[in-house]
Amino acid sequence: MLENVKNLMGHDNGKTFATIKNALESLGYVVHYKVMNAAEFANIPQNRERVFIVCFDPKQTDNYDNFRFPPKLILTKNIKEYIAPFPEFNELVYTDRSVIFLKLASEIVDENAIYQWRRKYVRRNKNNLCPTLTANMGTGGHNVPIIFQGGKIRKLSPRECLNFQGFPENYSFPMNIPISAMYKQAGNSVVVPLVVAVMAEIVKTIDATGERHGKQ
């Protein structure tokens, strides 16, 4: 199983993806692929579209044609469920010492929305989803989603970013790594429930092959 950004499909007019697919097929694999959004397939309120590529060796899995990607789910979760009551780091809060504070304060007023600073303007995500988390969050504050909470304007914390990736509550970052590295790791990660759902379908396909051959 492979996962990458949606734009891989159209990169270089589709030639890049065709090269990857041809390489996998030349190794004997049967290739299935699909673009899925976490908000539609994992019940996670993040707008995160990724292409999943699932490959089977037909010599080992003769049931490969029966593989299906997981179906769409109704989104029942909302962004408030993934936001903590208090920030983990004081540096998450914007103050009047920030050069963009006045601009943020004039635009960021809804506690039920998530915003982004787009270098020159504030963007409100009107779809009630967290914007796509990226590895660039660790390279500058303008890349981290912003919320209005308790009269303060702040960035999402690294832990909240993990929440929007579907990590369990008991997961924690390694000790003594900088906050920038936490953001980068969260942005580079995958949506855990979506990967679990895809893997479940892979296992189902493999198990069906085993049953046909009388294997346990």
C-alpha atoms as a PDB file:
ATOM      1  CA  MET A   1       0.000   0.000   0.000  1.00  0.00           C
ATOM      2  CA  LEU A   2       1.252   3.463  -0.928  1.00  0.00           C
ATOM      3  CA  GLU A   3      -0.143   6.911  -0.115  1.00  0.00           C
ATOM      4  CA  ASN A   4       0.628  10.321  -1.567  1.00  0.00           C
ATOM      5  CA  VAL A   5      -0.861  13.726  -2.292  1.00  0.00           C
ATOM      6  CA  LYS A   6      -3.753  14.001  -4.728  1.00  0.00           C
ATOM      7  CA  ASN A   7      -1.649  16.085  -7.135  1.00  0.00           C
ATOM      8  CA  LEU A   8       0.495  13.044  -7.851  1.00  0.00           C
ATOM      9  CA  MET A   9      -2.287  11.927 -10.207  1.00  0.00           C
ATOM     10  CA  GLY A  10      -1.976  14.964 -12.451  1.00  0.00           C
ATOM     11  CA  HIS A  11       1.727  15.751 -12.063  1.00  0.00           C
ATOM     12  CA  ASP A  12       3.446  16.219 -15.442  1.00  0.00           C
ATOM     13  CA  ASN A  13       0.125  15.609 -17.190  1.00  0.00           C
ATOM     14  CA  GLY A  14      -0.241  12.232 -15.493  1.00  0.00           C
ATOM     15  CA  LYS A  15       3.143  10.933 -16.652  1.00  0.00           C
ATOM     16  CA  THR A  16       4.540  10.650 -13.119  1.00  0.00           C
ATOM     17  CA  PHE A  17       1.690   8.465 -11.900  1.00  0.00           C
ATOM     18  CA  ALA A  18       1.820   6.385 -15.088  1.00  0.00           C
ATOM     19  CA  THR A  19       5.519   5.753 -14.471  1.00  0.00           C
ATOM     20  CA  ILE A  20       4.821   4.574 -10.912  1.00  0.00           C
ATOM     21  CA  LYS A  21       1.929   2.365 -12.003  1.00  0.00           C
ATOM     22  CA  ASN A  22       3.915   0.848 -14.880  1.00  0.00           C
ATOM     23  CA  ALA A  23       6.844   0.131 -12.577  1.00  0.00           C
ATOM     24  CA  LEU A  24       4.596  -1.684 -10.107  1.00  0.00           C
ATOM     25  CA  GLU A  25       2.914  -3.675 -12.869  1.00  0.00           C
ATOM     26  CA  SER A  26       6.296  -4.589 -14.359  1.00  0.00           C
ATOM     27  CA  LEU A  27       7.102  -6.215 -11.009  1.00  0.00           C
ATOM     28  CA  GLY A  28       4.006  -8.373 -11.362  1.00  0.00           C
ATOM     29  CA  TYR A  29       1.596  -6.456  -9.149  1.00  0.00           C
ATOM     30  CA  VAL A  30      -2.061  -5.783  -9.863  1.00  0.00           C
ATOM     31  CA  VAL A  31      -2.683  -2.119  -9.026  1.00  0.00           C
ATOM     32  CA  HIS A  32      -5.780  -0.515  -7.506  1.00  0.00           C
ATOM     33  CA  TYR A  33      -5.885   3.216  -6.758  1.00  0.00           C
ATOM     34  CA  LYS A  34      -8.341   5.816  -5.517  1.00  0.00           C
ATOM     35  CA  VAL A  35      -8.324   9.426  -4.303  1.00  0.00           C
ATOM     36  CA  MET A  36     -10.046   9.698  -0.921  1.00  0.00           C
ATOM     37  CA  ASN A  37     -10.776  12.614   1.369  1.00  0.00           C
ATOM     38  CA  ALA A  38     -10.522  12.062   5.139  1.00  0.00           C
ATOM     39  CA  ALA A  39     -13.748  14.009   5.623  1.00  0.00           C
ATOM     40  CA  GLU A  40     -15.622  11.642   3.323  1.00  0.00           C
ATOM     41  CA  PHE A  41     -14.046   8.280   4.099  1.00  0.00           C
ATOM     42  CA  ALA A  42     -12.773   8.475   7.692  1.00  0.00           C
ATOM     43  CA  ASN A  43     -15.274  10.671   9.572  1.00  0.00           C
ATOM     44  CA  ILE A  44     -12.435  13.096  10.337  1.00  0.00           C
ATOM     45  CA  PRO A  45     -13.242  16.814   9.795  1.00  0.00           C
ATOM     46  CA  GLN A  46     -10.079  17.570   7.843  1.00  0.00           C
ATOM     47  CA  ASN A  47     -10.121  18.399   4.129  1.00  0.00           C
ATOM     48  CA  ARG A  48      -7.322  15.997   3.211  1.00  0.00           C
ATOM     49  CA  GLU A  49      -7.368  14.363  -0.217  1.00  0.00           C
ATOM     50  CA  ARG A  50      -4.813  11.626  -0.769  1.00  0.00           C
ATOM     51  CA  VAL A  51      -4.319   8.955  -3.402  1.00  0.00           C
ATOM     52  CA  PHE A  52      -4.060   5.416  -2.072  1.00  0.00           C
ATOM     53  CA  ILE A  53      -2.399   2.737  -4.194  1.00  0.00           C
ATOM     54  CA  VAL A  54      -2.987  -0.884  -3.230  1.00  0.00           C
ATOM     55  CA  CYS A  55      -1.078  -3.665  -4.984  1.00  0.00           C
ATOM     56  CA  PHE A  56      -1.520  -7.416  -4.919  1.00  0.00           C
ATOM     57  CA  ASP A  57       0.735 -10.176  -6.139  1.00  0.00           C
ATOM     58  CA  PRO A  58      -1.702 -12.347  -8.142  1.00  0.00           C
ATOM     59  CA  LYS A  59       0.505 -15.393  -7.519  1.00  0.00           C
ATOM     60  CA  GLN A  60      -0.269 -15.105  -3.808  1.00  0.00           C
ATOM     61  CA  THR A  61      -3.680 -13.430  -3.820  1.00  0.00           C
ATOM     62  CA  ASP A  62      -5.911 -14.802  -6.562  1.00  0.00           C
ATOM     63  CA  ASN A  63      -8.866 -12.907  -5.086  1.00  0.00           C
ATOM     64  CA  TYR A  64      -7.275  -9.534  -5.978  1.00  0.00           C
ATOM     65  CA  ASP A  65     -10.116  -8.475  -8.295  1.00  0.00           C
ATOM     66  CA  ASN A  66     -12.542  -8.515  -5.374  1.00  0.00           C
ATOM     67  CA  PHE A  67     -10.667  -5.776  -3.523  1.00  0.00           C
ATOM     68  CA  ARG A  68     -12.715  -2.645  -2.907  1.00  0.00           C
ATOM     69  CA  PHE A  69     -11.698   0.578  -1.252  1.00  0.00           C
ATOM     70  CA  PRO A  70     -13.741   1.464   1.852  1.00  0.00           C
ATOM     71  CA  PRO A  71     -17.085   3.189   1.211  1.00  0.00           C
ATOM     72  CA  LYS A  72     -17.894   6.787   2.034  1.00  0.00           C
ATOM     73  CA  LEU A  73     -19.075   7.616   5.534  1.00  0.00           C
ATOM     74  CA  ILE A  74     -21.419  10.286   6.808  1.00  0.00           C
ATOM     75  CA  LEU A  75     -19.370  12.962   8.566  1.00  0.00           C
ATOM     76  CA  THR A  76     -20.671  13.161  12.136  1.00  0.00           C
ATOM     77  CA  LYS A  77     -17.644  14.754  13.789  1.00  0.00           C
ATOM     78  CA  ASN A  78     -17.058  18.499  13.973  1.00  0.00           C
ATOM     79  CA  ILE A  79     -13.938  20.585  14.496  1.00  0.00           C
ATOM     80  CA  LYS A  80     -14.854  21.537  18.074  1.00  0.00           C
ATOM     81  CA  GLU A  81     -14.431  17.906  19.132  1.00  0.00           C
ATOM     82  CA  TYR A  82     -10.760  17.990  18.140  1.00  0.00           C
ATOM     83  CA  ILE A  83      -9.789  21.266  19.796  1.00  0.00           C
ATOM     84  CA  ALA A  84      -8.495  21.309  23.366  1.00  0.00           C
ATOM     85  CA  PRO A  85      -9.897  23.754  25.952  1.00  0.00           C
ATOM     86  CA  PHE A  86      -6.476  25.297  26.576  1.00  0.00           C
ATOM     87  CA  PRO A  87      -3.324  25.586  24.440  1.00  0.00           C
ATOM     88  CA  GLU A  88      -0.272  23.541  25.302  1.00  0.00           C
ATOM     89  CA  PHE A  89       2.205  26.312  24.548  1.00  0.00           C
ATOM     90  CA  ASN A  90       1.986  30.016  25.286  1.00  0.00           C
ATOM     91  CA  GLU A  91       3.642  30.792  21.960  1.00  0.00           C
ATOM     92  CA  LEU A  92       0.500  29.552  20.194  1.00  0.00           C
ATOM     93  CA  VAL A  93      -1.360  32.755  21.145  1.00  0.00           C
ATOM     94  CA  TYR A  94      -1.086  35.831  18.939  1.00  0.00           C
ATOM     95  CA  THR A  95      -0.594  39.124  20.803  1.00  0.00           C
ATOM     96  CA  ASP A  96      -0.340  42.757  19.752  1.00  0.00           C
ATOM     97  CA  ARG A  97       3.393  42.212  19.421  1.00  0.00           C
ATOM     98  CA  SER A  98       2.709  40.299  16.203  1.00  0.00           C
ATOM     99  CA  VAL A  99       2.866  42.404  13.048  1.00  0.00           C
ATOM    100  CA  ILE A 100      -0.277  40.714  11.726  1.00  0.00           C
ATOM    101  CA  PHE A 101      -2.267  40.860  14.965  1.00  0.00           C
ATOM    102  CA  LEU A 102      -4.589  43.706  13.968  1.00  0.00           C
ATOM    103  CA  LYS A 103      -5.400  42.052  10.671  1.00  0.00           C
ATOM    104  CA  LEU A 104      -6.106  38.743  12.393  1.00  0.00           C
ATOM    105  CA  ALA A 105      -8.228  40.401  15.092  1.00  0.00           C
ATOM    106  CA  SER A 106     -10.422  42.097  12.510  1.00  0.00           C
ATOM    107  CA  GLU A 107     -11.162  38.860  10.664  1.00  0.00           C
ATOM    108  CA  ILE A 108     -10.956  35.990  13.152  1.00  0.00           C
ATOM    109  CA  VAL A 109     -14.103  36.247  15.265  1.00  0.00           C
ATOM    110  CA  ASP A 110     -15.958  32.910  14.970  1.00  0.00           C
ATOM    111  CA  GLU A 111     -15.149  30.230  17.553  1.00  0.00           C
ATOM    112  CA  ASN A 112     -16.764  27.576  15.364  1.00  0.00           C
ATOM    113  CA  ALA A 113     -14.460  28.092  12.388  1.00  0.00           C
ATOM    114  CA  ILE A 114     -10.839  27.465  11.485  1.00  0.00           C
ATOM    115  CA  TYR A 115      -8.829  30.130   9.699  1.00  0.00           C
ATOM    116  CA  GLN A 116      -5.559  30.418   7.799  1.00  0.00           C
ATOM    117  CA  TRP A 117      -3.182  33.321   7.334  1.00  0.00           C
ATOM    118  CA  ARG A 118      -2.394  33.372   3.623  1.00  0.00           C
ATOM    119  CA  ARG A 119       0.631  35.706   3.744  1.00  0.00           C
ATOM    120  CA  LYS A 120      -1.479  38.785   2.974  1.00  0.00           C
ATOM    121  CA  TYR A 121      -5.024  37.947   4.002  1.00  0.00           C
ATOM    122  CA  VAL A 122      -7.098  35.807   6.354  1.00  0.00           C
ATOM    123  CA  ARG A 123      -8.976  32.856   4.899  1.00  0.00           C
ATOM    124  CA  ARG A 124     -11.968  31.374   6.724  1.00  0.00           C
ATOM    125  CA  ASN A 125     -12.666  27.747   5.923  1.00  0.00           C
ATOM    126  CA  LYS A 126     -16.365  27.874   5.147  1.00  0.00           C
ATOM    127  CA  ASN A 127     -16.735  24.107   4.774  1.00  0.00           C
ATOM    128  CA  ASN A 128     -16.463  23.614   8.565  1.00  0.00           C
ATOM    129  CA  LEU A 129     -13.404  21.428   8.065  1.00  0.00           C
ATOM    130  CA  CYS A 130      -9.826  21.789   9.171  1.00  0.00           C
ATOM    131  CA  PRO A 131      -7.678  22.717   6.158  1.00  0.00           C
ATOM    132  CA  THR A 132      -5.151  20.178   4.963  1.00  0.00           C
ATOM    133  CA  LEU A 133      -2.340  19.878   7.491  1.00  0.00           C
ATOM    134  CA  THR A 134       1.069  20.096   5.835  1.00  0.00           C
ATOM    135  CA  ALA A 135       4.707  19.506   6.726  1.00  0.00           C
ATOM    136  CA  ASN A 136       5.233  23.230   6.115  1.00  0.00           C
ATOM    137  CA  MET A 137       3.500  23.933   9.413  1.00  0.00           C
ATOM    138  CA  GLY A 138       6.903  23.481  11.030  1.00  0.00           C
ATOM    139  CA  THR A 139       8.513  26.176   8.916  1.00  0.00           C
ATOM    140  CA  GLY A 140       6.396  29.192   9.795  1.00  0.00           C
ATOM    141  CA  GLY A 141       3.339  30.348  11.720  1.00  0.00           C
ATOM    142  CA  HIS A 142       1.349  31.297   8.637  1.00  0.00           C
ATOM    143  CA  ASN A 143       1.098  27.628   7.703  1.00  0.00           C
ATOM    144  CA  VAL A 144      -0.610  26.534  10.939  1.00  0.00           C
ATOM    145  CA  PRO A 145      -4.440  26.677  11.094  1.00  0.00           C
ATOM    146  CA  ILE A 146      -5.739  29.396  13.434  1.00  0.00           C
ATOM    147  CA  ILE A 147      -8.748  29.484  15.770  1.00  0.00           C
ATOM    148  CA  PHE A 148     -10.540  31.999  17.998  1.00  0.00           C
ATOM    149  CA  GLN A 149     -10.950  30.658  21.527  1.00  0.00           C
ATOM    150  CA  GLY A 150     -11.854  32.378  24.781  1.00  0.00           C
ATOM    151  CA  GLY A 151     -11.294  35.808  23.305  1.00  0.00           C
ATOM    152  CA  LYS A 152      -7.809  34.870  22.082  1.00  0.00           C
ATOM    153  CA  ILE A 153      -6.451  34.095  18.649  1.00  0.00           C
ATOM    154  CA  ARG A 154      -4.127  31.128  18.494  1.00  0.00           C
ATOM    155  CA  LYS A 155      -2.686  28.435  16.288  1.00  0.00           C
ATOM    156  CA  LEU A 156      -3.727  24.827  16.581  1.00  0.00           C
ATOM    157  CA  SER A 157      -1.364  22.978  18.889  1.00  0.00           C
ATOM    158  CA  PRO A 158       0.699  20.026  17.649  1.00  0.00           C
ATOM    159  CA  ARG A 159      -1.514  17.718  19.730  1.00  0.00           C
ATOM    160  CA  GLU A 160      -4.631  19.132  18.062  1.00  0.00           C
ATOM    161  CA  CYS A 161      -3.019  18.516  14.677  1.00  0.00           C
ATOM    162  CA  LEU A 162      -2.590  14.871  15.698  1.00  0.00           C
ATOM    163  CA  ASN A 163      -6.273  14.865  16.648  1.00  0.00           C
ATOM    164  CA  PHE A 164      -7.175  15.947  13.116  1.00  0.00           C
ATOM    165  CA  GLN A 165      -5.040  13.081  11.812  1.00  0.00           C
ATOM    166  CA  GLY A 166      -7.048  10.625  13.891  1.00  0.00           C
ATOM    167  CA  PHE A 167      -4.308   9.649  16.336  1.00  0.00           C
ATOM    168  CA  PRO A 168      -5.480   8.063  19.595  1.00  0.00           C
ATOM    169  CA  GLU A 169      -5.534  10.214  22.719  1.00  0.00           C
ATOM    170  CA  ASN A 170      -2.759   8.204  24.361  1.00  0.00           C
ATOM    171  CA  TYR A 171      -0.293   8.919  21.552  1.00  0.00           C
ATOM    172  CA  SER A 172       2.363  11.499  22.375  1.00  0.00           C
ATOM    173  CA  PHE A 173       5.360  13.050  20.691  1.00  0.00           C
ATOM    174  CA  PRO A 174       8.879  11.992  21.712  1.00  0.00           C
ATOM    175  CA  MET A 175      10.373  14.050  24.519  1.00  0.00           C
ATOM    176  CA  ASN A 176      12.575  17.072  23.919  1.00  0.00           C
ATOM    177  CA  ILE A 177      11.841  17.740  20.256  1.00  0.00           C
ATOM    178  CA  PRO A 178      11.106  21.312  19.107  1.00  0.00           C
ATOM    179  CA  ILE A 179       7.549  22.374  18.395  1.00  0.00           C
ATOM    180  CA  SER A 180       8.492  22.901  14.737  1.00  0.00           C
ATOM    181  CA  ALA A 181       9.375  19.210  14.471  1.00  0.00           C
ATOM    182  CA  MET A 182       6.062  18.262  16.079  1.00  0.00           C
ATOM    183  CA  TYR A 183       4.168  20.257  13.460  1.00  0.00           C
ATOM    184  CA  LYS A 184       6.222  18.720  10.663  1.00  0.00           C
ATOM    185  CA  GLN A 185       5.628  15.186  11.903  1.00  0.00           C
ATOM    186  CA  ALA A 186       1.885  15.790  12.246  1.00  0.00           C
ATOM    187  CA  GLY A 187       1.647  17.322   8.779  1.00  0.00           C
ATOM    188  CA  ASN A 188       3.671  14.536   7.183  1.00  0.00           C
ATOM    189  CA  SER A 189       1.534  11.834   8.747  1.00  0.00           C
ATOM    190  CA  VAL A 190      -1.517   9.997   7.473  1.00  0.00           C
ATOM    191  CA  VAL A 191      -5.109   9.942   8.692  1.00  0.00           C
ATOM    192  CA  VAL A 192      -4.978   6.865  10.894  1.00  0.00           C
ATOM    193  CA  PRO A 193      -8.647   5.731  10.640  1.00  0.00           C
ATOM    194  CA  LEU A 194      -8.504   5.922   6.846  1.00  0.00           C
ATOM    195  CA  VAL A 195      -5.367   3.778   6.687  1.00  0.00           C
ATOM    196  CA  VAL A 196      -6.998   1.298   9.080  1.00  0.00           C
ATOM    197  CA  ALA A 197     -10.072   1.129   6.821  1.00  0.00           C
ATOM    198  CA  VAL A 198      -7.980   0.496   3.706  1.00  0.00           C
ATOM    199  CA  MET A 199      -5.910  -2.130   5.499  1.00  0.00           C
ATOM    200  CA  ALA A 200      -9.072  -3.883   6.651  1.00  0.00           C
ATOM    201  CA  GLU A 201     -10.179  -4.246   3.031  1.00  0.00           C
ATOM    202  CA  ILE A 202      -6.730  -5.575   2.076  1.00  0.00           C
ATOM    203  CA  VAL A 203      -6.901  -8.170   4.856  1.00  0.00           C
ATOM    204  CA  LYS A 204     -10.426  -9.136   3.790  1.00  0.00           C
ATOM    205  CA  THR A 205      -9.191  -9.770   0.252  1.00  0.00           C
ATOM    206  CA  ILE A 206      -6.204 -11.811   1.422  1.00  0.00           C
ATOM    207  CA  ASP A 207      -8.316 -13.792   3.882  1.00  0.00           C
ATOM    208  CA  ALA A 208     -10.784 -14.673   1.126  1.00  0.00           C
ATOM    209  CA  THR A 209      -7.913 -16.100  -0.913  1.00  0.00           C
ATOM    210  CA  GLY A 210      -6.787 -18.139   2.082  1.00  0.00           C
ATOM    211  CA  GLU A 211     -10.276 -19.533   2.614  1.00  0.00           C
ATOM    212  CA  ARG A 212     -10.492 -20.612  -1.021  1.00  0.00           C
ATOM    213  CA  HIS A 213      -7.272 -22.559  -0.631  1.00  0.00           C
ATOM    214  CA  GLY A 214      -8.148 -23.982   2.776  1.00  0.00           C
ATOM    215  CA  LYS A 215      -5.520 -21.911   4.593  1.00  0.00           C
ATOM    216  CA  GLN A 216      -5.831 -20.446   8.070  1.00  0.00           C
END
